[in-house]
Amino acid sequence: MVPVITGRTEADVTARRQKARAIFPRVPEDAAGWKAAGFLHGVVDDVRQDLARWKAAGVERVMLQMLDMDDLETIRLIARECL
């Protein structure tokens, strides 16, 4: 299971990351921290590319962890554009 923060724009990603930190203050503060932790973070294309790299490395299944369970728009975005 891996936490994921994504959006259509960098502003969306930043807002969602800030919301995630409000819910779970121990998650990284910035994009570099999220990437260093091995989490999925960035605009849709970034997340899609990370998932493709993992698939090429042999990963067959990933459980995406939503930190803001009320953010239905992100769930729709991931389903429609990332997977």
Protein backbone atom coordinates (compact mmCIF):
# COMPACT_ATOMS: atom_id res chain seq x y z
CA MET A 1 0.00 0.00 0.00
CA VAL A 2 1.35 3.39 -0.97
CA PRO A 3 -0.02 6.87 -0.24
CA VAL A 4 -0.93 8.90 -3.31
CA ILE A 5 -1.37 12.61 -3.90
CA THR A 6 -2.33 13.70 -7.41
CA GLY A 7 -4.22 16.33 -9.33
CA ARG A 8 -4.63 17.84 -12.76
CA THR A 9 -2.38 20.80 -11.89
CA GLU A 10 0.51 21.47 -9.53
CA ALA A 11 -1.83 23.74 -7.55
CA ASP A 12 -4.26 20.82 -7.09
CA VAL A 13 -1.41 18.59 -5.94
CA THR A 14 -0.16 21.19 -3.46
CA ALA A 15 -3.64 21.74 -2.02
CA ARG A 16 -4.19 18.00 -1.60
CA ARG A 17 -0.76 17.54 -0.01
CA GLN A 18 -1.54 20.31 2.49
CA LYS A 19 -4.90 18.70 3.28
CA ALA A 20 -3.18 15.33 3.79
CA ARG A 21 -0.73 16.97 6.22
CA ALA A 22 -3.64 18.49 8.13
CA ILE A 23 -5.06 14.98 8.54
CA PHE A 24 -1.71 13.17 9.04
CA PRO A 25 0.96 15.69 10.16
CA ARG A 26 3.77 13.12 9.92
CA VAL A 27 3.61 12.77 6.13
CA PRO A 28 6.28 14.70 4.21
CA GLU A 29 5.87 18.45 3.79
CA ASP A 30 6.94 18.73 0.16
CA ALA A 31 7.04 16.87 -3.13
CA ALA A 32 10.69 15.86 -2.66
CA GLY A 33 9.86 14.29 0.69
CA TRP A 34 6.97 12.33 -0.79
CA LYS A 35 9.15 11.03 -3.62
CA ALA A 36 12.02 10.19 -1.24
CA ALA A 37 9.59 8.16 0.89
CA GLY A 38 8.59 6.16 -2.19
CA PHE A 39 5.08 7.58 -2.25
CA LEU A 40 3.16 8.48 -5.40
CA HIS A 41 3.02 12.24 -5.82
CA GLY A 42 2.49 14.69 -8.64
CA VAL A 43 0.20 15.56 -11.51
CA VAL A 44 -1.60 12.70 -13.24
CA ASP A 45 1.19 12.13 -15.78
CA ASP A 46 3.79 11.85 -12.99
CA VAL A 47 1.76 9.23 -11.13
CA ARG A 48 1.02 7.34 -14.35
CA GLN A 49 4.75 7.28 -15.21
CA ASP A 50 5.70 6.06 -11.72
CA LEU A 51 3.14 3.27 -11.93
CA ALA A 52 4.46 2.29 -15.39
CA ARG A 53 8.03 2.14 -14.02
CA TRP A 54 6.89 -0.06 -11.16
CA LYS A 55 5.07 -2.34 -13.61
CA ALA A 56 8.22 -2.60 -15.76
CA ALA A 57 10.14 -3.53 -12.60
CA GLY A 58 7.73 -6.41 -11.97
CA VAL A 59 5.17 -4.92 -9.61
CA GLU A 60 1.84 -6.57 -10.36
CA ARG A 61 -0.45 -4.98 -7.80
CA VAL A 62 -0.49 -1.67 -5.94
CA MET A 63 -2.92 -0.60 -3.25
CA LEU A 64 -3.32 3.18 -3.34
CA GLN A 65 -3.84 4.79 0.04
CA MET A 66 -6.04 7.86 0.07
CA LEU A 67 -5.26 10.02 3.09
CA ASP A 68 -8.29 12.28 2.59
CA MET A 69 -11.13 9.76 2.44
CA ASP A 70 -13.65 12.49 1.59
CA ASP A 71 -11.83 13.56 -1.60
CA LEU A 72 -14.03 11.79 -4.13
CA GLU A 73 -12.69 13.90 -6.98
CA THR A 74 -9.21 12.40 -6.52
CA ILE A 75 -10.68 8.91 -6.51
CA ARG A 76 -12.44 9.65 -9.81
CA LEU A 77 -9.30 11.26 -11.22
CA ILE A 78 -7.14 8.24 -10.37
CA ALA A 79 -9.70 5.81 -11.79
CA ARG A 80 -10.15 7.74 -15.03
CA GLU A 81 -6.69 9.06 -15.75
CA CYS A 82 -4.00 7.26 -13.75
CA LEU A 83 -4.95 3.61 -14.00
